[in-house]
Amino acid sequence: MARPRKPLLSIDRIVRTARELVDAEGLAAVSTRRLAAELGVSGPSLYNHFRTKDEILEAVADSVSAQVDLSMFEDGRDWRTALRDWAVSYRAALRDHPNIVPVLARGPGRRPAALRLADAVYGAMVDAGWPPARATSIGALMRYFIMGSALGSFAGGFVDDADAYDPADYPRLGQAHLLADRQERIDERAFETGLSALLAGLAEQFGRVREESAGG
């Protein structure tokens, strides 16, 4: 009988396997040797598709950027609603793949999906009437906010030991040990609170921009 063929090694398969490894064990777990073993191939086989480990991680990061919905910038939603919906989608992608956030935080570089994302946000803001320089600032601001929300958990930073926070030292942290058990709900609420405040502030600025434009 013919021996079963091994699955063909492809960029998609390498990236998918590397992403699963990053999700499960973090960035430090990824090496060309480990990845080759996971794929059932020899190490040199990877070099037909990627020259370095960093290139693989860049591709993993871009595969996560590709999961972010951009349709809200194309279907007629007003700029404020579009930014909100996009931010929620972006954070969801990062929440599902938190270990790759440090790579994403370096910026889009040459990654195609990340560049499409930046182009969509900037273009939508300019089309809505924001001056180009302000549109650039909005893109940066949203990126800082969303990335920051995904880099760590406020609630998860407290231990669940009731004796850890002595009232004599921290008189207002008597319930802090309960936060860890409510981590997801607290972080979600914090993100929503911050996003609403951010968008309200931008809407106020936009009103002034329109007034300046009308007067000039």
N, C-alpha and C. Protein backbone atom coordinates (compact mmCIF):
# COMPACT_ATOMS: atom_id res chain seq x y z
N MET A 1 0.83 -1.20 0.00
CA MET A 1 0.00 0.00 0.00
C MET A 1 0.87 1.26 0.00
N ALA A 2 0.37 2.28 -0.64
CA ALA A 2 1.11 3.52 -0.68
C ALA A 2 1.12 4.15 0.71
N ARG A 3 2.26 4.75 1.05
CA ARG A 3 2.37 5.41 2.34
C ARG A 3 1.53 6.69 2.32
N PRO A 4 0.86 7.00 3.43
CA PRO A 4 0.05 8.23 3.46
C PRO A 4 0.93 9.45 3.28
N ARG A 5 0.46 10.38 2.52
CA ARG A 5 1.23 11.59 2.28
C ARG A 5 1.12 12.53 3.46
N LYS A 6 2.23 13.20 3.77
CA LYS A 6 2.20 14.22 4.81
C LYS A 6 1.50 15.46 4.26
N PRO A 7 0.80 16.18 5.12
CA PRO A 7 0.19 17.42 4.65
C PRO A 7 1.25 18.36 4.08
N LEU A 8 0.92 19.01 3.01
CA LEU A 8 1.87 19.94 2.42
C LEU A 8 2.17 21.08 3.37
N LEU A 9 3.43 21.47 3.45
CA LEU A 9 3.82 22.59 4.27
C LEU A 9 3.50 23.88 3.52
N SER A 10 2.71 24.72 4.12
CA SER A 10 2.32 25.97 3.47
C SER A 10 2.45 27.11 4.46
N ILE A 11 2.42 28.33 3.96
CA ILE A 11 2.49 29.50 4.83
C ILE A 11 1.33 29.49 5.81
N ASP A 12 0.13 29.21 5.31
CA ASP A 12 -1.05 29.21 6.18
C ASP A 12 -0.92 28.18 7.30
N ARG A 13 -0.41 27.01 6.97
CA ARG A 13 -0.28 25.97 7.99
C ARG A 13 0.78 26.34 9.02
N ILE A 14 1.87 26.93 8.57
CA ILE A 14 2.92 27.36 9.50
C ILE A 14 2.38 28.43 10.44
N VAL A 15 1.71 29.42 9.87
CA VAL A 15 1.19 30.53 10.67
C VAL A 15 0.14 30.04 11.66
N ARG A 16 -0.75 29.18 11.21
CA ARG A 16 -1.80 28.65 12.09
C ARG A 16 -1.18 27.88 13.26
N THR A 17 -0.20 27.04 12.98
CA THR A 17 0.44 26.25 14.02
C THR A 17 1.21 27.15 14.98
N ALA A 18 1.91 28.14 14.44
CA ALA A 18 2.65 29.07 15.29
C ALA A 18 1.70 29.88 16.16
N ARG A 19 0.57 30.29 15.61
CA ARG A 19 -0.41 31.05 16.39
C ARG A 19 -0.96 30.20 17.54
N GLU A 20 -1.24 28.95 17.27
CA GLU A 20 -1.73 28.06 18.32
C GLU A 20 -0.69 27.88 19.42
N LEU A 21 0.58 27.83 19.02
CA LEU A 21 1.66 27.68 19.99
C LEU A 21 1.80 28.95 20.84
N VAL A 22 1.73 30.11 20.19
CA VAL A 22 1.79 31.37 20.93
C VAL A 22 0.61 31.49 21.88
N ASP A 23 -0.57 31.15 21.41
CA ASP A 23 -1.76 31.22 22.27
C ASP A 23 -1.62 30.34 23.50
N ALA A 24 -1.08 29.16 23.30
CA ALA A 24 -1.02 28.18 24.39
C ALA A 24 0.13 28.43 25.36
N GLU A 25 1.28 28.86 24.81
CA GLU A 25 2.48 28.90 25.66
C GLU A 25 3.23 30.23 25.64
N GLY A 26 2.83 31.17 24.80
CA GLY A 26 3.50 32.46 24.78
C GLY A 26 4.58 32.56 23.71
N LEU A 27 5.09 33.76 23.53
CA LEU A 27 6.07 34.03 22.48
C LEU A 27 7.36 33.24 22.67
N ALA A 28 7.77 33.07 23.91
CA ALA A 28 9.04 32.38 24.18
C ALA A 28 9.02 30.93 23.73
N ALA A 29 7.85 30.36 23.57
CA ALA A 29 7.76 28.95 23.18
C ALA A 29 8.06 28.74 21.71
N VAL A 30 8.03 29.80 20.93
CA VAL A 30 8.20 29.66 19.48
C VAL A 30 9.68 29.67 19.11
N SER A 31 10.10 28.63 18.46
CA SER A 31 11.42 28.55 17.84
C SER A 31 11.26 27.75 16.56
N THR A 32 12.18 27.89 15.64
CA THR A 32 12.06 27.14 14.40
C THR A 32 12.12 25.63 14.67
N ARG A 33 12.92 25.25 15.64
CA ARG A 33 13.03 23.82 15.98
C ARG A 33 11.71 23.30 16.54
N ARG A 34 11.13 24.04 17.49
CA ARG A 34 9.87 23.62 18.10
C ARG A 34 8.75 23.60 17.06
N LEU A 35 8.72 24.63 16.24
CA LEU A 35 7.66 24.72 15.24
C LEU A 35 7.77 23.60 14.22
N ALA A 36 8.99 23.29 13.82
CA ALA A 36 9.20 22.19 12.87
C ALA A 36 8.71 20.87 13.47
N ALA A 37 8.99 20.68 14.76
CA ALA A 37 8.54 19.46 15.43
C ALA A 37 7.02 19.39 15.47
N GLU A 38 6.37 20.52 15.75
CA GLU A 38 4.90 20.56 15.79
C GLU A 38 4.31 20.23 14.42
N LEU A 39 5.00 20.66 13.38
CA LEU A 39 4.51 20.46 12.01
C LEU A 39 4.92 19.10 11.44
N GLY A 40 5.85 18.42 12.12
CA GLY A 40 6.30 17.13 11.65
C GLY A 40 7.21 17.23 10.44
N VAL A 41 8.02 18.30 10.38
CA VAL A 41 8.93 18.49 9.26
C VAL A 41 10.32 18.77 9.79
N SER A 42 11.29 18.83 8.92
CA SER A 42 12.65 19.20 9.32
C SER A 42 12.75 20.72 9.39
N GLY A 43 13.63 21.19 10.26
CA GLY A 43 13.80 22.61 10.45
C GLY A 43 14.05 23.41 9.16
N PRO A 44 14.94 22.93 8.31
CA PRO A 44 15.23 23.68 7.08
C PRO A 44 14.02 23.87 6.18
N SER A 45 13.00 23.02 6.32
CA SER A 45 11.81 23.16 5.48
C SER A 45 11.11 24.50 5.70
N LEU A 46 11.19 25.00 6.93
CA LEU A 46 10.54 26.28 7.24
C LEU A 46 11.17 27.43 6.47
N TYR A 47 12.47 27.30 6.19
CA TYR A 47 13.17 28.41 5.55
C TYR A 47 12.78 28.59 4.09
N ASN A 48 12.03 27.66 3.57
CA ASN A 48 11.49 27.87 2.22
C ASN A 48 10.37 28.90 2.23
N HIS A 49 9.83 29.17 3.44
CA HIS A 49 8.71 30.10 3.56
C HIS A 49 9.04 31.31 4.42
N PHE A 50 9.82 31.12 5.46
CA PHE A 50 10.20 32.21 6.37
C PHE A 50 11.70 32.13 6.65
N ARG A 51 12.34 33.28 6.64
CA ARG A 51 13.79 33.30 6.87
C ARG A 51 14.15 33.26 8.35
N THR A 52 13.29 33.82 9.20
CA THR A 52 13.61 33.91 10.62
C THR A 52 12.37 33.67 11.47
N LYS A 53 12.62 33.46 12.75
CA LYS A 53 11.53 33.35 13.72
C LYS A 53 10.73 34.64 13.77
N ASP A 54 11.41 35.78 13.70
CA ASP A 54 10.71 37.07 13.76
C ASP A 54 9.73 37.22 12.60
N GLU A 55 10.09 36.73 11.43
CA GLU A 55 9.18 36.78 10.29
C GLU A 55 7.93 35.95 10.56
N ILE A 56 8.10 34.83 11.21
CA ILE A 56 6.96 33.98 11.56
C ILE A 56 6.04 34.70 12.53
N LEU A 57 6.63 35.33 13.55
CA LEU A 57 5.82 36.05 14.53
C LEU A 57 5.12 37.25 13.91
N GLU A 58 5.76 37.90 12.98
CA GLU A 58 5.12 39.00 12.27
C GLU A 58 3.90 38.49 11.49
N ALA A 59 4.04 37.33 10.88
CA ALA A 59 2.93 36.75 10.13
C ALA A 59 1.80 36.33 11.07
N VAL A 60 2.15 35.82 12.24
CA VAL A 60 1.12 35.47 13.23
C VAL A 60 0.38 36.73 13.65
N ALA A 61 1.12 37.79 13.93
CA ALA A 61 0.50 39.05 14.32
C ALA A 61 -0.44 39.54 13.23
N ASP A 62 -0.02 39.43 11.99
CA ASP A 62 -0.87 39.93 10.91
C ASP A 62 -2.12 39.07 10.74
N SER A 63 -2.01 37.78 11.04
CA SER A 63 -3.19 36.91 10.96
C SER A 63 -4.22 37.31 12.00
N VAL A 64 -3.77 37.86 13.12
CA VAL A 64 -4.71 38.34 14.14
C VAL A 64 -5.33 39.66 13.69
N SER A 65 -4.53 40.54 13.10
CA SER A 65 -5.07 41.79 12.55
C SER A 65 -6.14 41.50 11.51
N ALA A 66 -5.95 40.43 10.75
CA ALA A 66 -6.90 40.09 9.69
C ALA A 66 -8.25 39.66 10.26
N GLN A 67 -8.31 39.33 11.54
CA GLN A 67 -9.56 38.92 12.17
C GLN A 67 -10.44 40.12 12.56
N VAL A 68 -9.87 41.33 12.49
CA VAL A 68 -10.61 42.52 12.89
C VAL A 68 -11.57 42.93 11.78
N ASP A 69 -12.82 43.13 12.14
CA ASP A 69 -13.86 43.53 11.18
C ASP A 69 -13.64 44.97 10.74
N LEU A 70 -13.67 45.22 9.44
CA LEU A 70 -13.53 46.58 8.90
C LEU A 70 -14.77 47.01 8.12
N SER A 71 -15.81 46.19 8.14
CA SER A 71 -16.98 46.47 7.33
C SER A 71 -17.69 47.76 7.77
N MET A 72 -17.53 48.15 9.03
CA MET A 72 -18.21 49.34 9.53
C MET A 72 -17.72 50.62 8.86
N PHE A 73 -16.58 50.56 8.22
CA PHE A 73 -16.07 51.74 7.52
C PHE A 73 -16.55 51.79 6.07
N GLU A 74 -17.32 50.79 5.68
CA GLU A 74 -17.74 50.71 4.27
C GLU A 74 -19.25 50.68 4.10
N ASP A 75 -20.00 50.58 5.20
CA ASP A 75 -21.45 50.38 5.06
C ASP A 75 -22.30 51.59 5.47
N GLY A 76 -21.69 52.75 5.56
CA GLY A 76 -22.45 53.96 5.80
C GLY A 76 -22.64 54.36 7.25
N ARG A 77 -22.05 53.62 8.19
CA ARG A 77 -22.15 54.03 9.58
C ARG A 77 -21.43 55.37 9.81
N ASP A 78 -21.96 56.20 10.70
CA ASP A 78 -21.28 57.46 10.98
C ASP A 78 -19.94 57.17 11.66
N TRP A 79 -19.03 58.12 11.61
CA TRP A 79 -17.65 57.87 12.05
C TRP A 79 -17.56 57.43 13.51
N ARG A 80 -18.41 58.00 14.37
CA ARG A 80 -18.35 57.66 15.79
C ARG A 80 -18.81 56.23 16.03
N THR A 81 -19.90 55.83 15.39
CA THR A 81 -20.39 54.45 15.53
C THR A 81 -19.39 53.48 14.93
N ALA A 82 -18.82 53.84 13.78
CA ALA A 82 -17.84 52.96 13.13
C ALA A 82 -16.62 52.75 14.01
N LEU A 83 -16.13 53.83 14.62
CA LEU A 83 -14.97 53.70 15.50
C LEU A 83 -15.28 52.80 16.69
N ARG A 84 -16.47 52.96 17.27
CA ARG A 84 -16.85 52.11 18.40
C ARG A 84 -16.91 50.64 18.00
N ASP A 85 -17.59 50.36 16.90
CA ASP A 85 -17.75 48.97 16.47
C ASP A 85 -16.40 48.35 16.11
N TRP A 86 -15.56 49.16 15.48
CA TRP A 86 -14.22 48.67 15.12
C TRP A 86 -13.39 48.39 16.36
N ALA A 87 -13.44 49.30 17.34
CA ALA A 87 -12.67 49.12 18.56
C ALA A 87 -13.08 47.84 19.29
N VAL A 88 -14.39 47.57 19.32
CA VAL A 88 -14.89 46.36 19.98
C VAL A 88 -14.38 45.11 19.25
N SER A 89 -14.41 45.15 17.92
CA SER A 89 -13.92 44.01 17.14
C SER A 89 -12.43 43.81 17.33
N TYR A 90 -11.69 44.91 17.34
CA TYR A 90 -10.23 44.85 17.49
C TYR A 90 -9.88 44.27 18.86
N ARG A 91 -10.53 44.77 19.90
CA ARG A 91 -10.23 44.27 21.24
C ARG A 91 -10.59 42.79 21.37
N ALA A 92 -11.67 42.37 20.72
CA ALA A 92 -12.05 40.96 20.77
C ALA A 92 -10.96 40.07 20.17
N ALA A 93 -10.38 40.53 19.06
CA ALA A 93 -9.30 39.75 18.43
C ALA A 93 -8.09 39.67 19.35
N LEU A 94 -7.76 40.78 20.00
CA LEU A 94 -6.61 40.78 20.91
C LEU A 94 -6.91 39.96 22.16
N ARG A 95 -8.14 40.01 22.62
CA ARG A 95 -8.53 39.23 23.80
C ARG A 95 -8.40 37.73 23.52
N ASP A 96 -8.67 37.33 22.28
CA ASP A 96 -8.57 35.92 21.91
C ASP A 96 -7.12 35.48 21.73
N HIS A 97 -6.23 36.45 21.48
CA HIS A 97 -4.82 36.13 21.23
C HIS A 97 -3.92 37.10 22.00
N PRO A 98 -4.02 37.14 23.31
CA PRO A 98 -3.30 38.15 24.09
C PRO A 98 -1.78 38.05 24.03
N ASN A 99 -1.26 36.86 23.81
CA ASN A 99 0.19 36.68 23.85
C ASN A 99 0.90 37.32 22.66
N ILE A 100 0.17 37.62 21.59
CA ILE A 100 0.80 38.22 20.41
C ILE A 100 0.75 39.74 20.47
N VAL A 101 0.09 40.30 21.48
CA VAL A 101 -0.06 41.76 21.56
C VAL A 101 1.28 42.50 21.56
N PRO A 102 2.32 42.03 22.26
CA PRO A 102 3.59 42.76 22.21
C PRO A 102 4.15 42.90 20.80
N VAL A 103 3.91 41.94 19.94
CA VAL A 103 4.37 42.05 18.55
C VAL A 103 3.51 43.05 17.79
N LEU A 104 2.21 42.98 17.99
CA LEU A 104 1.30 43.92 17.34
C LEU A 104 1.59 45.35 17.78
N ALA A 105 2.01 45.52 19.03
CA ALA A 105 2.24 46.86 19.57
C ALA A 105 3.43 47.56 18.92
N ARG A 106 4.25 46.84 18.19
CA ARG A 106 5.37 47.48 17.50
C ARG A 106 4.90 48.38 16.36
N GLY A 107 3.68 48.20 15.92
CA GLY A 107 3.16 48.98 14.79
C GLY A 107 2.98 48.09 13.57
N PRO A 108 2.34 48.63 12.54
CA PRO A 108 2.00 47.80 11.38
C PRO A 108 3.18 47.40 10.52
N GLY A 109 4.24 48.19 10.52
CA GLY A 109 5.40 47.83 9.70
C GLY A 109 5.04 47.59 8.25
N ARG A 110 5.30 46.37 7.78
CA ARG A 110 4.96 45.98 6.41
C ARG A 110 3.84 44.94 6.37
N ARG A 111 3.18 44.72 7.50
CA ARG A 111 2.17 43.67 7.55
C ARG A 111 0.91 44.11 6.79
N PRO A 112 0.49 43.35 5.79
CA PRO A 112 -0.62 43.77 4.92
C PRO A 112 -1.94 44.02 5.66
N ALA A 113 -2.37 43.08 6.51
CA ALA A 113 -3.65 43.25 7.19
C ALA A 113 -3.61 44.44 8.14
N ALA A 114 -2.49 44.63 8.82
CA ALA A 114 -2.36 45.77 9.73
C ALA A 114 -2.37 47.09 8.97
N LEU A 115 -1.77 47.11 7.79
CA LEU A 115 -1.78 48.32 6.98
C LEU A 115 -3.16 48.61 6.43
N ARG A 116 -3.90 47.56 6.06
CA ARG A 116 -5.28 47.77 5.61
C ARG A 116 -6.13 48.34 6.74
N LEU A 117 -5.87 47.87 7.94
CA LEU A 117 -6.60 48.36 9.11
C LEU A 117 -6.31 49.85 9.32
N ALA A 118 -5.04 50.22 9.30
CA ALA A 118 -4.68 51.63 9.49
C ALA A 118 -5.26 52.49 8.38
N ASP A 119 -5.22 51.99 7.16
CA ASP A 119 -5.74 52.73 6.02
C ASP A 119 -7.25 52.95 6.15
N ALA A 120 -7.96 51.94 6.62
CA ALA A 120 -9.41 52.03 6.75
C ALA A 120 -9.81 53.08 7.79
N VAL A 121 -9.13 53.07 8.93
CA VAL A 121 -9.45 54.01 10.00
C VAL A 121 -9.13 55.44 9.55
N TYR A 122 -7.94 55.64 9.02
CA TYR A 122 -7.54 56.98 8.58
C TYR A 122 -8.47 57.48 7.48
N GLY A 123 -8.74 56.64 6.51
CA GLY A 123 -9.59 57.05 5.40
C GLY A 123 -10.99 57.41 5.85
N ALA A 124 -11.54 56.63 6.78
CA ALA A 124 -12.89 56.91 7.27
C ALA A 124 -12.95 58.23 8.01
N MET A 125 -11.92 58.54 8.78
CA MET A 125 -11.91 59.80 9.52
C MET A 125 -11.79 61.00 8.58
N VAL A 126 -10.93 60.89 7.57
CA VAL A 126 -10.79 61.98 6.59
C VAL A 126 -12.08 62.16 5.81
N ASP A 127 -12.68 61.05 5.40
CA ASP A 127 -13.94 61.13 4.65
C ASP A 127 -15.05 61.75 5.49
N ALA A 128 -14.99 61.56 6.80
CA ALA A 128 -16.02 62.12 7.68
C ALA A 128 -15.85 63.62 7.89
N GLY A 129 -14.69 64.13 7.55
CA GLY A 129 -14.47 65.56 7.70
C GLY A 129 -13.37 65.96 8.66
N TRP A 130 -12.69 64.98 9.24
CA TRP A 130 -11.55 65.29 10.10
C TRP A 130 -10.37 65.73 9.24
N PRO A 131 -9.62 66.76 9.65
CA PRO A 131 -8.40 67.12 8.94
C PRO A 131 -7.41 65.95 8.98
N PRO A 132 -6.59 65.78 7.95
CA PRO A 132 -5.66 64.63 7.92
C PRO A 132 -4.80 64.48 9.16
N ALA A 133 -4.28 65.58 9.69
CA ALA A 133 -3.43 65.47 10.88
C ALA A 133 -4.23 64.95 12.07
N ARG A 134 -5.46 65.42 12.22
CA ARG A 134 -6.32 64.94 13.31
C ARG A 134 -6.69 63.48 13.10
N ALA A 135 -6.92 63.11 11.84
CA ALA A 135 -7.26 61.72 11.55
C ALA A 135 -6.11 60.79 11.94
N THR A 136 -4.89 61.23 11.68
CA THR A 136 -3.72 60.45 12.09
C THR A 136 -3.67 60.30 13.60
N SER A 137 -3.94 61.39 14.32
CA SER A 137 -3.92 61.35 15.78
C SER A 137 -5.00 60.43 16.33
N ILE A 138 -6.17 60.43 15.68
CA ILE A 138 -7.26 59.56 16.14
C ILE A 138 -6.87 58.09 15.97
N GLY A 139 -6.27 57.76 14.82
CA GLY A 139 -5.82 56.40 14.62
C GLY A 139 -4.82 55.96 15.68
N ALA A 140 -3.88 56.86 16.00
CA ALA A 140 -2.89 56.55 17.03
C ALA A 140 -3.54 56.41 18.40
N LEU A 141 -4.44 57.33 18.72
CA LEU A 141 -5.13 57.31 20.00
C LEU A 141 -5.90 56.01 20.20
N MET A 142 -6.65 55.61 19.18
CA MET A 142 -7.44 54.39 19.29
C MET A 142 -6.52 53.17 19.46
N ARG A 143 -5.42 53.19 18.75
CA ARG A 143 -4.48 52.08 18.86
C ARG A 143 -3.90 52.00 20.27
N TYR A 144 -3.50 53.15 20.83
CA TYR A 144 -2.97 53.15 22.19
C TYR A 144 -4.00 52.59 23.17
N PHE A 145 -5.23 53.03 23.03
CA PHE A 145 -6.28 52.64 23.97
C PHE A 145 -6.58 51.14 23.87
N ILE A 146 -6.75 50.66 22.65
CA ILE A 146 -7.13 49.26 22.46
C ILE A 146 -5.98 48.34 22.86
N MET A 147 -4.77 48.67 22.42
CA MET A 147 -3.61 47.85 22.79
C MET A 147 -3.42 47.83 24.30
N GLY A 148 -3.55 49.01 24.92
CA GLY A 148 -3.37 49.08 26.37
C GLY A 148 -4.38 48.22 27.11
N SER A 149 -5.61 48.20 26.59
CA SER A 149 -6.65 47.41 27.25
C SER A 149 -6.38 45.91 27.15
N ALA A 150 -5.56 45.54 26.17
CA ALA A 150 -5.30 44.11 25.95
C ALA A 150 -3.98 43.64 26.56
N LEU A 151 -3.15 44.58 27.01
CA LEU A 151 -1.83 44.21 27.53
C LEU A 151 -1.89 43.58 28.91
N GLY A 152 -2.94 43.85 29.63
CA GLY A 152 -3.05 43.27 30.95
C GLY A 152 -4.41 43.50 31.54
N SER A 153 -4.68 42.83 32.64
CA SER A 153 -5.97 42.95 33.32
C SER A 153 -5.80 43.72 34.62
N PHE A 154 -6.58 44.80 34.77
CA PHE A 154 -6.56 45.53 36.04
C PHE A 154 -7.01 44.61 37.17
N ALA A 155 -8.13 43.97 36.98
CA ALA A 155 -8.68 43.12 38.04
C ALA A 155 -7.76 41.94 38.33
N GLY A 156 -7.14 41.41 37.27
CA GLY A 156 -6.26 40.27 37.44
C GLY A 156 -4.98 40.60 38.17
N GLY A 157 -4.74 41.89 38.38
CA GLY A 157 -3.52 42.29 39.08
C GLY A 157 -3.62 42.19 40.60
N PHE A 158 -4.81 41.90 41.09
CA PHE A 158 -5.01 41.74 42.54
C PHE A 158 -5.09 40.26 42.88
N VAL A 159 -4.46 39.87 43.99
CA VAL A 159 -4.51 38.46 44.41
C VAL A 159 -5.81 38.20 45.15
N ASP A 160 -6.21 36.94 45.20
CA ASP A 160 -7.48 36.59 45.84
C ASP A 160 -7.32 36.22 47.31
N ASP A 161 -6.29 36.76 47.93
CA ASP A 161 -6.02 36.52 49.35
C ASP A 161 -6.53 37.71 50.16
N ALA A 162 -7.53 37.48 51.00
CA ALA A 162 -8.13 38.56 51.79
C ALA A 162 -7.14 39.20 52.75
N ASP A 163 -6.08 38.48 53.12
CA ASP A 163 -5.09 39.01 54.07
C ASP A 163 -4.00 39.83 53.39
N ALA A 164 -4.06 39.91 52.07
CA ALA A 164 -2.98 40.60 51.34
C ALA A 164 -3.06 42.11 51.45
N TYR A 165 -4.24 42.61 51.77
CA TYR A 165 -4.43 44.06 51.77
C TYR A 165 -4.86 44.52 53.17
N ASP A 166 -3.87 44.78 54.00
CA ASP A 166 -4.11 45.18 55.39
C ASP A 166 -4.81 46.53 55.42
N PRO A 167 -5.99 46.61 56.08
CA PRO A 167 -6.72 47.88 56.17
C PRO A 167 -5.90 49.01 56.77
N ALA A 168 -4.92 48.66 57.58
CA ALA A 168 -4.08 49.70 58.18
C ALA A 168 -3.23 50.39 57.11
N ASP A 169 -2.88 49.64 56.07
CA ASP A 169 -2.06 50.20 54.99
C ASP A 169 -2.91 50.66 53.81
N TYR A 170 -3.99 49.91 53.54
CA TYR A 170 -4.83 50.19 52.38
C TYR A 170 -6.30 50.23 52.81
N PRO A 171 -6.71 51.31 53.45
CA PRO A 171 -8.05 51.35 54.05
C PRO A 171 -9.20 51.22 53.06
N ARG A 172 -8.96 51.46 51.78
CA ARG A 172 -10.05 51.40 50.79
C ARG A 172 -9.96 50.17 49.89
N LEU A 173 -9.09 49.25 50.21
CA LEU A 173 -8.93 48.05 49.37
C LEU A 173 -9.41 46.79 50.09
N GLY A 174 -10.36 46.96 50.97
CA GLY A 174 -10.84 45.82 51.74
C GLY A 174 -11.49 44.73 50.89
N GLN A 175 -12.01 45.11 49.71
CA GLN A 175 -12.66 44.14 48.83
C GLN A 175 -11.81 43.80 47.60
N ALA A 176 -10.58 44.28 47.58
CA ALA A 176 -9.74 44.10 46.39
C ALA A 176 -9.47 42.64 46.06
N HIS A 177 -9.46 41.78 47.08
CA HIS A 177 -9.19 40.37 46.83
C HIS A 177 -10.30 39.69 46.04
N LEU A 178 -11.46 40.35 45.94
CA LEU A 178 -12.58 39.78 45.19
C LEU A 178 -12.50 40.10 43.70
N LEU A 179 -11.64 41.03 43.33
CA LEU A 179 -11.61 41.49 41.93
C LEU A 179 -11.19 40.39 40.96
N ALA A 180 -10.24 39.56 41.37
CA ALA A 180 -9.72 38.54 40.45
C ALA A 180 -10.81 37.62 39.94
N ASP A 181 -11.79 37.30 40.80
CA ASP A 181 -12.88 36.41 40.40
C ASP A 181 -13.84 37.08 39.43
N ARG A 182 -13.78 38.41 39.34
CA ARG A 182 -14.69 39.16 38.48
C ARG A 182 -13.93 39.84 37.34
N GLN A 183 -12.81 39.27 37.03
CA GLN A 183 -11.87 39.90 36.10
C GLN A 183 -12.49 40.26 34.76
N GLU A 184 -13.12 39.32 34.11
CA GLU A 184 -13.65 39.56 32.77
C GLU A 184 -14.70 40.67 32.78
N ARG A 185 -15.61 40.63 33.74
CA ARG A 185 -16.67 41.62 33.80
C ARG A 185 -16.12 43.01 34.09
N ILE A 186 -15.16 43.10 35.00
CA ILE A 186 -14.57 44.40 35.36
C ILE A 186 -13.79 44.98 34.20
N ASP A 187 -13.00 44.15 33.54
CA ASP A 187 -12.20 44.64 32.42
C ASP A 187 -13.09 45.07 31.26
N GLU A 188 -14.16 44.32 31.03
CA GLU A 188 -15.08 44.67 29.95
C GLU A 188 -15.77 46.00 30.24
N ARG A 189 -16.17 46.18 31.47
CA ARG A 189 -16.84 47.42 31.86
C ARG A 189 -15.86 48.60 31.78
N ALA A 190 -14.63 48.38 32.17
CA ALA A 190 -13.62 49.45 32.10
C ALA A 190 -13.37 49.85 30.65
N PHE A 191 -13.31 48.85 29.77
CA PHE A 191 -13.10 49.16 28.35
C PHE A 191 -14.27 49.97 27.81
N GLU A 192 -15.48 49.56 28.11
CA GLU A 192 -16.67 50.28 27.64
C GLU A 192 -16.72 51.70 28.19
N THR A 193 -16.37 51.86 29.46
CA THR A 193 -16.36 53.19 30.07
C THR A 193 -15.34 54.09 29.38
N GLY A 194 -14.15 53.57 29.19
CA GLY A 194 -13.11 54.36 28.54
C GLY A 194 -13.44 54.69 27.10
N LEU A 195 -13.99 53.71 26.39
CA LEU A 195 -14.33 53.92 24.98
C LEU A 195 -15.42 54.98 24.84
N SER A 196 -16.42 54.92 25.69
CA SER A 196 -17.50 55.91 25.64
C SER A 196 -16.97 57.31 25.93
N ALA A 197 -16.10 57.43 26.92
CA ALA A 197 -15.54 58.73 27.26
C ALA A 197 -14.66 59.25 26.13
N LEU A 198 -13.88 58.38 25.56
CA LEU A 198 -13.00 58.77 24.47
C LEU A 198 -13.80 59.28 23.26
N LEU A 199 -14.82 58.55 22.89
CA LEU A 199 -15.63 58.93 21.73
C LEU A 199 -16.43 60.21 21.99
N ALA A 200 -16.88 60.38 23.23
CA ALA A 200 -17.58 61.62 23.57
C ALA A 200 -16.65 62.81 23.44
N GLY A 201 -15.42 62.64 23.89
CA GLY A 201 -14.45 63.71 23.75
C GLY A 201 -14.13 64.03 22.30
N LEU A 202 -14.01 63.00 21.48
CA LEU A 202 -13.75 63.21 20.06
C LEU A 202 -14.93 63.90 19.38
N ALA A 203 -16.15 63.54 19.78
CA ALA A 203 -17.33 64.18 19.19
C ALA A 203 -17.34 65.67 19.51
N GLU A 204 -16.94 66.01 20.72
CA GLU A 204 -16.87 67.42 21.10
C GLU A 204 -15.82 68.15 20.26
N GLN A 205 -14.68 67.53 20.08
CA GLN A 205 -13.63 68.12 19.25
C GLN A 205 -14.10 68.28 17.80
N PHE A 206 -14.83 67.27 17.33
CA PHE A 206 -15.29 67.31 15.94
C PHE A 206 -16.24 68.49 15.71
N GLY A 207 -17.06 68.80 16.72
CA GLY A 207 -17.94 69.95 16.61
C GLY A 207 -17.15 71.23 16.42
N ARG A 208 -16.04 71.34 17.16
CA ARG A 208 -15.21 72.53 17.01
C ARG A 208 -14.51 72.57 15.66
N VAL A 209 -14.11 71.39 15.19
CA VAL A 209 -13.47 71.32 13.87
C VAL A 209 -14.43 71.80 12.79
N ARG A 210 -15.68 71.37 12.88
CA ARG A 210 -16.68 71.78 11.89
C ARG A 210 -16.95 73.30 11.97
N GLU A 211 -16.97 73.81 13.19
CA GLU A 211 -17.18 75.25 13.35
C GLU A 211 -16.03 76.05 12.75
N GLU A 212 -14.81 75.58 13.00
CA GLU A 212 -13.64 76.26 12.45
C GLU A 212 -13.65 76.20 10.93
N SER A 213 -14.06 75.05 10.42
CA SER A 213 -14.10 74.88 8.96
C SER A 213 -15.14 75.80 8.33
N ALA A 214 -16.29 75.91 8.99
CA ALA A 214 -17.36 76.77 8.47
C ALA A 214 -16.98 78.25 8.56
N GLY A 215 -16.22 78.58 9.60
CA GLY A 215 -15.84 79.98 9.77
C GLY A 215 -14.67 80.39 8.91
N GLY A 216 -13.88 79.37 8.50
CA GLY A 216 -12.70 79.69 7.71
C GLY A 216 -12.93 79.65 6.25
